[in-house]
Amino acid sequence: METQGQSVKLVPMTDTEAFEAVGYDTAARCLVLKLHDGTTIRMEKVPQFRYQGLMGSPRKDAYFRAFIKGQFLSKPV
């Protein structure tokens, strides 16, 4: 997955119904989500601690809804 000319590695998620894979571009502060329907979304200006919180959360769907969804500008890729 490329974002702003940089490659973002997507990590498969098996413990969530909200998305299939997640990636983060540290330099651009962009969170990349691949949804189960095949859509890929890029969320801008996401702090790294939010990505780390998402990845470390035992309830990724709940964490995403509470702290990320609707909080950052998102665009389909």
Protein backbone atom coordinates (compact mmCIF):
# COMPACT_ATOMS: atom_id res chain seq x y z
CA MET A 1 0.00 0.00 0.00
CA GLU A 2 1.46 3.38 -1.00
CA THR A 3 0.66 6.61 0.79
CA GLN A 4 2.34 9.89 -0.22
CA GLY A 5 5.05 7.97 -2.08
CA GLN A 6 5.91 5.75 0.88
CA SER A 7 5.06 2.11 1.32
CA VAL A 8 2.83 1.24 4.27
CA LYS A 9 2.82 -2.37 5.41
CA LEU A 10 -0.66 -3.59 6.29
CA VAL A 11 -0.94 -6.00 9.20
CA PRO A 12 -3.82 -8.50 8.98
CA MET A 13 -6.36 -8.26 11.81
CA THR A 14 -8.12 -11.46 12.82
CA ASP A 15 -9.73 -10.23 16.03
CA THR A 16 -11.94 -7.45 14.66
CA GLU A 17 -15.10 -7.19 12.62
CA ALA A 18 -14.50 -3.55 11.65
CA PHE A 19 -11.50 -4.01 9.36
CA GLU A 20 -9.32 -6.62 7.71
CA ALA A 21 -5.88 -5.00 7.93
CA VAL A 22 -4.20 -1.93 9.44
CA GLY A 23 -1.06 0.03 8.62
CA TYR A 24 0.56 3.21 9.87
CA ASP A 25 2.93 5.67 8.20
CA THR A 26 4.92 7.26 11.03
CA ALA A 27 6.41 10.07 8.93
CA ALA A 28 3.06 11.13 7.45
CA ARG A 29 1.03 10.24 10.58
CA CYS A 30 -1.48 8.37 8.43
CA LEU A 31 -3.50 5.36 9.51
CA VAL A 32 -4.49 3.02 6.68
CA LEU A 33 -7.42 0.64 7.13
CA LYS A 34 -8.51 -2.07 4.73
CA LEU A 35 -12.15 -2.89 5.32
CA HIS A 36 -13.76 -6.29 4.81
CA ASP A 37 -15.63 -5.01 1.75
CA GLY A 38 -12.30 -4.31 0.01
CA THR A 39 -12.37 -0.54 0.55
CA THR A 40 -9.15 1.04 1.82
CA ILE A 41 -9.31 4.23 3.87
CA ARG A 42 -6.48 6.60 4.75
CA MET A 43 -6.91 8.66 7.91
CA GLU A 44 -4.71 11.74 8.24
CA LYS A 45 -2.96 13.32 11.24
CA VAL A 46 -3.47 10.31 13.48
CA PRO A 47 -1.05 10.43 16.43
CA GLN A 48 1.17 7.39 16.75
CA PHE A 49 -0.17 6.71 20.26
CA ARG A 50 -3.63 6.16 18.75
CA TYR A 51 -2.23 3.56 16.36
CA GLN A 52 -0.32 1.90 19.19
CA GLY A 53 -3.46 1.95 21.35
CA LEU A 54 -5.45 0.33 18.57
CA MET A 55 -2.89 -2.38 18.02
CA GLY A 56 -2.56 -3.10 21.73
CA SER A 57 -6.26 -3.08 22.49
CA PRO A 58 -7.97 -6.40 23.22
CA ARG A 59 -11.18 -4.88 21.78
CA LYS A 60 -10.00 -3.22 18.58
CA ASP A 61 -13.51 -2.49 17.30
CA ALA A 62 -14.42 -0.63 20.49
CA TYR A 63 -11.11 1.26 20.58
CA PHE A 64 -11.54 2.29 16.95
CA ARG A 65 -15.09 3.55 17.52
CA ALA A 66 -14.18 5.41 20.73
CA PHE A 67 -10.88 7.04 19.80
CA ILE A 68 -10.38 7.08 16.03
CA LYS A 69 -13.59 6.88 13.98
CA GLY A 70 -14.92 10.35 13.15
CA GLN A 71 -11.95 12.07 14.82
CA PHE A 72 -9.66 12.39 11.80
CA LEU A 73 -10.00 13.35 8.15
CA SER A 74 -10.41 10.16 6.14
CA LYS A 75 -10.24 9.51 2.41
CA PRO A 76 -10.73 6.41 0.32
CA VAL A 77 -7.50 5.25 -1.32
